[in-house]
Each structure stands twice: as structure tokens, then as C-alpha cells.
Amino acid sequence: MSLLLPESGLIFWMFLTFGIVFGILAKYGFPVIIKMVEGRKTYIDQSLEVAKEANAQLLRLKAEGDAIMAAANREQGRIMKEAMQERGKIIHEARTQAAIAGQKELEEVKLQIQKEKEDAIRDIRRQVAMLSVDIAEKVIRKNLNETSEQMEMIDRMLKEVLNKN
């Protein structure tokens, strides 16, 4: 009997086939696979580097955005402060103009009242003068019933008028 089993030939040929396939793969296949793996590794490393740069740039942009927001908030505060000052100024000017207009209107009303007062006084004086003339006329008619008395009165009035001039 032989020490080698009938299957030992099969094992031998499997080892031989495996060795040949391994040799061919080692010479032609593995370098291509290793090259592809290294290329993939390089691509992944580059992608990671780009991702790190993008992350850093994103952080810079976020910081810039925060700075811009802070500046915008400061600007908004400044604008609001200016608007409040302008509002106060406009209100002050409006009040001043209203006071001036009120004072002017008050002066106009005072002038109108003064004019109406003077007109009323003139009207009262005219009425008093007319009443006085009417009363004087009645008194004079009563006292000057005679022609001689009338002539004396006329002469006396003419002298008074001539003396005044």
C-alpha cells in the first residue's frame, strides 16, 4: 500500500493550481489591485483634506456671518437711536410751530377783538352824538322860539368857530 492516498494527488494539483494562480495574480493582479486601493486611499485622503478645508471655511464663514449680524444689529441700534432723535426733533419742531401758530392766531383774535371794540365804541359815540344833537335840538327849539334869540346864538357860534381857527 502506498502511503499516499488517492486524494493526495488531488491535493497536490490543487496546491499547484493555487500556486500558479497565486503567482499570476501576484505578478499581474495584485499590483493592479494595490494600485487601485492606493488610488482609492489617495482619493479618500484628498477628500478628507478637502472636507477639512471646507469645514474650516464653513467655520470662517459662520464667524464672518456672526460678525456681520453683530454689525447689522449695531447699525440697527444706531439707526433706531437716530430715528428716535429725529422723532423727538420733529415733535419739538411741531410743538414750536403749533405754539407760534397759536400765538399768531391769538394775536389776530386780539386785534379783531380790539377792532370790534373800537367799532362798538365809535358806534356808541355816534349814537350818543346823535342823541345829544336830538336832545340839544329839542332844547334849543324850546329856548330859541324867538328870532332874536336865534340870531344871538348864531353870532356866538360863529365867533367861537372863528376864534378856534
C-alpha atoms as a PDB file:
ATOM      1  CA  MET A   1       0.000   0.000   0.000  1.00  0.00           C
ATOM      2  CA  SER A   2       1.085   3.316  -0.722  1.00  0.00           C
ATOM      3  CA  LEU A   3       1.322   5.980   1.839  1.00  0.00           C
ATOM      4  CA  LEU A   4      -0.219   8.495  -0.413  1.00  0.00           C
ATOM      5  CA  LEU A   5      -3.847   8.491  -0.527  1.00  0.00           C
ATOM      6  CA  PRO A   6      -5.673   8.699  -3.815  1.00  0.00           C
ATOM      7  CA  GLU A   7      -6.760  12.103  -2.801  1.00  0.00           C
ATOM      8  CA  SER A   8      -3.283  13.296  -2.201  1.00  0.00           C
ATOM      9  CA  GLY A   9      -2.888  13.787  -5.951  1.00  0.00           C
ATOM     10  CA  LEU A  10      -5.911  15.987  -5.935  1.00  0.00           C
ATOM     11  CA  ILE A  11      -4.468  17.993  -3.113  1.00  0.00           C
ATOM     12  CA  PHE A  12      -1.164  18.250  -4.968  1.00  0.00           C
ATOM     13  CA  TRP A  13      -2.846  19.531  -8.103  1.00  0.00           C
ATOM     14  CA  MET A  14      -4.921  21.974  -6.082  1.00  0.00           C
ATOM     15  CA  PHE A  15      -1.764  23.305  -4.445  1.00  0.00           C
ATOM     16  CA  LEU A  16      -0.044  23.510  -7.795  1.00  0.00           C
ATOM     17  CA  THR A  17      -3.025  25.282  -9.380  1.00  0.00           C
ATOM     18  CA  PHE A  18      -3.298  27.580  -6.426  1.00  0.00           C
ATOM     19  CA  GLY A  19       0.407  28.388  -6.666  1.00  0.00           C
ATOM     20  CA  ILE A  20       0.135  29.146 -10.402  1.00  0.00           C
ATOM     21  CA  VAL A  21      -2.977  31.297  -9.931  1.00  0.00           C
ATOM     22  CA  PHE A  22      -1.332  32.977  -6.951  1.00  0.00           C
ATOM     23  CA  GLY A  23       1.821  33.626  -8.978  1.00  0.00           C
ATOM     24  CA  ILE A  24      -0.184  35.098 -11.892  1.00  0.00           C
ATOM     25  CA  LEU A  25      -2.237  37.185  -9.505  1.00  0.00           C
ATOM     26  CA  ALA A  26       0.912  38.247  -7.635  1.00  0.00           C
ATOM     27  CA  LYS A  27       2.572  39.303 -10.866  1.00  0.00           C
ATOM     28  CA  TYR A  28      -0.403  40.851 -12.706  1.00  0.00           C
ATOM     29  CA  GLY A  29      -3.459  41.125 -10.440  1.00  0.00           C
ATOM     30  CA  PHE A  30      -2.176  42.261  -7.071  1.00  0.00           C
ATOM     31  CA  PRO A  31      -0.238  45.284  -8.412  1.00  0.00           C
ATOM     32  CA  VAL A  32      -3.389  46.479 -10.171  1.00  0.00           C
ATOM     33  CA  ILE A  33      -5.492  45.868  -7.054  1.00  0.00           C
ATOM     34  CA  ILE A  34      -2.877  47.514  -4.833  1.00  0.00           C
ATOM     35  CA  LYS A  35      -2.650  50.422  -7.261  1.00  0.00           C
ATOM     36  CA  MET A  36      -6.458  50.782  -7.203  1.00  0.00           C
ATOM     37  CA  VAL A  37      -6.530  50.551  -3.395  1.00  0.00           C
ATOM     38  CA  GLU A  38      -3.752  53.130  -3.122  1.00  0.00           C
ATOM     39  CA  GLY A  39      -5.555  55.360  -5.631  1.00  0.00           C
ATOM     40  CA  ARG A  40      -8.740  54.991  -3.607  1.00  0.00           C
ATOM     41  CA  LYS A  41      -6.780  55.709  -0.410  1.00  0.00           C
ATOM     42  CA  THR A  42      -5.268  58.819  -2.037  1.00  0.00           C
ATOM     43  CA  TYR A  43      -8.734  59.913  -3.215  1.00  0.00           C
ATOM     44  CA  ILE A  44     -10.163  59.383   0.271  1.00  0.00           C
ATOM     45  CA  ASP A  45      -7.239  61.261   1.857  1.00  0.00           C
ATOM     46  CA  GLN A  46      -7.719  64.129  -0.593  1.00  0.00           C
ATOM     47  CA  SER A  47     -11.477  64.104   0.067  1.00  0.00           C
ATOM     48  CA  LEU A  48     -10.821  64.218   3.799  1.00  0.00           C
ATOM     49  CA  GLU A  49      -8.418  67.132   3.301  1.00  0.00           C
ATOM     50  CA  VAL A  50     -10.986  68.953   1.150  1.00  0.00           C
ATOM     51  CA  ALA A  51     -13.637  68.227   3.789  1.00  0.00           C
ATOM     52  CA  LYS A  52     -11.350  69.644   6.491  1.00  0.00           C
ATOM     53  CA  GLU A  53     -10.737  72.753   4.377  1.00  0.00           C
ATOM     54  CA  ALA A  54     -14.473  73.068   3.686  1.00  0.00           C
ATOM     55  CA  ASN A  55     -15.190  72.694   7.402  1.00  0.00           C
ATOM     56  CA  ALA A  56     -12.576  75.346   8.218  1.00  0.00           C
ATOM     57  CA  GLN A  57     -14.025  77.630   5.549  1.00  0.00           C
ATOM     58  CA  LEU A  58     -17.525  76.993   6.899  1.00  0.00           C
ATOM     59  CA  LEU A  59     -16.343  77.964  10.383  1.00  0.00           C
ATOM     60  CA  ARG A  60     -14.752  81.143   8.936  1.00  0.00           C
ATOM     61  CA  LEU A  61     -17.965  81.949   7.074  1.00  0.00           C
ATOM     62  CA  LYS A  62     -20.001  81.338  10.220  1.00  0.00           C
ATOM     63  CA  ALA A  63     -17.699  83.665  12.156  1.00  0.00           C
ATOM     64  CA  GLU A  64     -17.988  86.266   9.380  1.00  0.00           C
ATOM     65  CA  GLY A  65     -21.766  85.820   9.368  1.00  0.00           C
ATOM     66  CA  ASP A  66     -21.872  86.299  13.131  1.00  0.00           C
ATOM     67  CA  ALA A  67     -19.679  89.403  12.784  1.00  0.00           C
ATOM     68  CA  ILE A  68     -21.957  90.729  10.036  1.00  0.00           C
ATOM     69  CA  MET A  69     -25.044  90.049  12.180  1.00  0.00           C
ATOM     70  CA  ALA A  70     -23.421  91.834  15.133  1.00  0.00           C
ATOM     71  CA  ALA A  71     -22.532  94.782  12.880  1.00  0.00           C
ATOM     72  CA  ALA A  72     -26.070  94.789  11.469  1.00  0.00           C
ATOM     73  CA  ASN A  73     -27.503  94.778  14.992  1.00  0.00           C
ATOM     74  CA  ARG A  74     -25.231  97.679  15.958  1.00  0.00           C
ATOM     75  CA  GLU A  75     -26.236  99.537  12.796  1.00  0.00           C
ATOM     76  CA  GLN A  76     -29.886  98.825  13.524  1.00  0.00           C
ATOM     77  CA  GLY A  77     -29.426 100.197  17.034  1.00  0.00           C
ATOM     78  CA  ARG A  78     -27.703 103.289  15.679  1.00  0.00           C
ATOM     79  CA  ILE A  79     -30.447 103.824  13.091  1.00  0.00           C
ATOM     80  CA  MET A  80     -33.139 103.356  15.738  1.00  0.00           C
ATOM     81  CA  LYS A  81     -31.365 105.853  18.000  1.00  0.00           C
ATOM     82  CA  GLU A  82     -31.128 108.367  15.151  1.00  0.00           C
ATOM     83  CA  ALA A  83     -34.787 107.761  14.299  1.00  0.00           C
ATOM     84  CA  MET A  84     -35.787 108.368  17.923  1.00  0.00           C
ATOM     85  CA  GLN A  85     -33.716 111.575  17.990  1.00  0.00           C
ATOM     86  CA  GLU A  86     -35.244 112.674  14.679  1.00  0.00           C
ATOM     87  CA  ARG A  87     -38.719 111.861  16.002  1.00  0.00           C
ATOM     88  CA  GLY A  88     -38.046 113.943  19.106  1.00  0.00           C
ATOM     89  CA  LYS A  89     -36.733 116.770  16.952  1.00  0.00           C
ATOM     90  CA  ILE A  90     -39.789 116.643  14.675  1.00  0.00           C
ATOM     91  CA  ILE A  91     -42.125 116.603  17.684  1.00  0.00           C
ATOM     92  CA  HIS A  92     -40.269 119.560  19.197  1.00  0.00           C
ATOM     93  CA  GLU A  93     -40.445 121.469  15.904  1.00  0.00           C
ATOM     94  CA  ALA A  94     -44.147 120.632  15.529  1.00  0.00           C
ATOM     95  CA  ARG A  95     -44.842 121.848  19.058  1.00  0.00           C
ATOM     96  CA  THR A  96     -42.839 125.015  18.421  1.00  0.00           C
ATOM     97  CA  GLN A  97     -44.690 125.651  15.162  1.00  0.00           C
ATOM     98  CA  ALA A  98     -48.015 124.927  16.870  1.00  0.00           C
ATOM     99  CA  ALA A  99     -47.129 127.383  19.653  1.00  0.00           C
ATOM    100  CA  ILE A 100     -46.131 130.012  17.084  1.00  0.00           C
ATOM    101  CA  ALA A 101     -49.309 129.405  15.089  1.00  0.00           C
ATOM    102  CA  GLY A 102     -51.371 129.552  18.293  1.00  0.00           C
ATOM    103  CA  GLN A 103     -49.657 132.789  19.337  1.00  0.00           C
ATOM    104  CA  LYS A 104     -50.234 134.260  15.872  1.00  0.00           C
ATOM    105  CA  GLU A 105     -53.879 133.228  15.937  1.00  0.00           C
ATOM    106  CA  LEU A 106     -54.225 134.659  19.451  1.00  0.00           C
ATOM    107  CA  GLU A 107     -52.720 137.942  18.253  1.00  0.00           C
ATOM    108  CA  GLU A 108     -55.125 138.004  15.304  1.00  0.00           C
ATOM    109  CA  VAL A 109     -58.064 137.330  17.621  1.00  0.00           C
ATOM    110  CA  LYS A 110     -56.866 140.101  19.972  1.00  0.00           C
ATOM    111  CA  LEU A 111     -56.591 142.506  17.023  1.00  0.00           C
ATOM    112  CA  GLN A 112     -60.046 141.508  15.828  1.00  0.00           C
ATOM    113  CA  ILE A 113     -61.469 141.989  19.328  1.00  0.00           C
ATOM    114  CA  GLN A 114     -59.737 145.395  19.575  1.00  0.00           C
ATOM    115  CA  LYS A 115     -61.118 146.395  16.186  1.00  0.00           C
ATOM    116  CA  GLU A 116     -64.623 145.260  17.120  1.00  0.00           C
ATOM    117  CA  LYS A 117     -64.299 147.095  20.436  1.00  0.00           C
ATOM    118  CA  GLU A 118     -63.239 150.288  18.647  1.00  0.00           C
ATOM    119  CA  ASP A 119     -66.081 149.869  16.150  1.00  0.00           C
ATOM    120  CA  ALA A 120     -68.540 149.388  19.015  1.00  0.00           C
ATOM    121  CA  ILE A 121     -67.186 152.448  20.835  1.00  0.00           C
ATOM    122  CA  ARG A 122     -67.428 154.515  17.608  1.00  0.00           C
ATOM    123  CA  ASP A 123     -70.967 153.275  17.066  1.00  0.00           C
ATOM    124  CA  ILE A 124     -71.900 154.110  20.667  1.00  0.00           C
ATOM    125  CA  ARG A 125     -70.306 157.577  20.341  1.00  0.00           C
ATOM    126  CA  ARG A 126     -72.152 158.171  17.072  1.00  0.00           C
ATOM    127  CA  GLN A 127     -75.421 157.129  18.695  1.00  0.00           C
ATOM    128  CA  VAL A 128     -74.652 159.263  21.772  1.00  0.00           C
ATOM    129  CA  ALA A 129     -73.786 162.186  19.467  1.00  0.00           C
ATOM    130  CA  MET A 130     -76.998 161.740  17.511  1.00  0.00           C
ATOM    131  CA  LEU A 131     -78.994 161.533  20.736  1.00  0.00           C
ATOM    132  CA  SER A 132     -77.162 164.584  22.069  1.00  0.00           C
ATOM    133  CA  VAL A 133     -77.886 166.505  18.865  1.00  0.00           C
ATOM    134  CA  ASP A 134     -81.525 165.448  19.004  1.00  0.00           C
ATOM    135  CA  ILE A 135     -81.784 166.474  22.660  1.00  0.00           C
ATOM    136  CA  ALA A 136     -79.907 169.715  22.006  1.00  0.00           C
ATOM    137  CA  GLU A 137     -82.148 170.439  19.042  1.00  0.00           C
ATOM    138  CA  LYS A 138     -85.239 169.981  21.173  1.00  0.00           C
ATOM    139  CA  VAL A 139     -83.792 172.118  23.964  1.00  0.00           C
ATOM    140  CA  ILE A 140     -82.666 174.850  21.551  1.00  0.00           C
ATOM    141  CA  ARG A 141     -86.030 174.915  19.795  1.00  0.00           C
ATOM    142  CA  LYS A 142     -87.675 175.358  23.107  1.00  0.00           C
ATOM    143  CA  ASN A 143     -85.271 178.127  24.172  1.00  0.00           C
ATOM    144  CA  LEU A 144     -84.963 179.794  20.771  1.00  0.00           C
ATOM    145  CA  ASN A 145     -88.549 180.287  19.914  1.00  0.00           C
ATOM    146  CA  GLU A 146     -87.901 183.890  19.230  1.00  0.00           C
ATOM    147  CA  THR A 147     -85.944 185.162  16.254  1.00  0.00           C
ATOM    148  CA  SER A 148     -83.693 187.460  18.259  1.00  0.00           C
ATOM    149  CA  GLU A 149     -82.507 184.615  20.472  1.00  0.00           C
ATOM    150  CA  GLN A 150     -81.742 182.539  17.388  1.00  0.00           C
ATOM    151  CA  MET A 151     -79.661 185.346  15.888  1.00  0.00           C
ATOM    152  CA  GLU A 152     -77.669 185.789  19.078  1.00  0.00           C
ATOM    153  CA  MET A 153     -76.933 182.097  19.192  1.00  0.00           C
ATOM    154  CA  ILE A 154     -75.758 182.033  15.576  1.00  0.00           C
ATOM    155  CA  ASP A 155     -73.471 185.006  16.148  1.00  0.00           C
ATOM    156  CA  ARG A 156     -71.982 183.488  19.271  1.00  0.00           C
ATOM    157  CA  MET A 157     -71.288 180.167  17.457  1.00  0.00           C
ATOM    158  CA  LEU A 158     -69.680 181.917  14.506  1.00  0.00           C
ATOM    159  CA  LYS A 159     -67.372 183.816  16.865  1.00  0.00           C
ATOM    160  CA  GLU A 160     -66.390 180.586  18.630  1.00  0.00           C
ATOM    161  CA  VAL A 161     -65.628 178.881  15.328  1.00  0.00           C
ATOM    162  CA  LEU A 162     -63.607 181.852  14.077  1.00  0.00           C
ATOM    163  CA  ASN A 163     -61.648 182.089  17.362  1.00  0.00           C
ATOM    164  CA  LYS A 164     -60.712 178.408  17.275  1.00  0.00           C
ATOM    165  CA  ASN A 165     -59.200 178.710  13.793  1.00  0.00           C
END
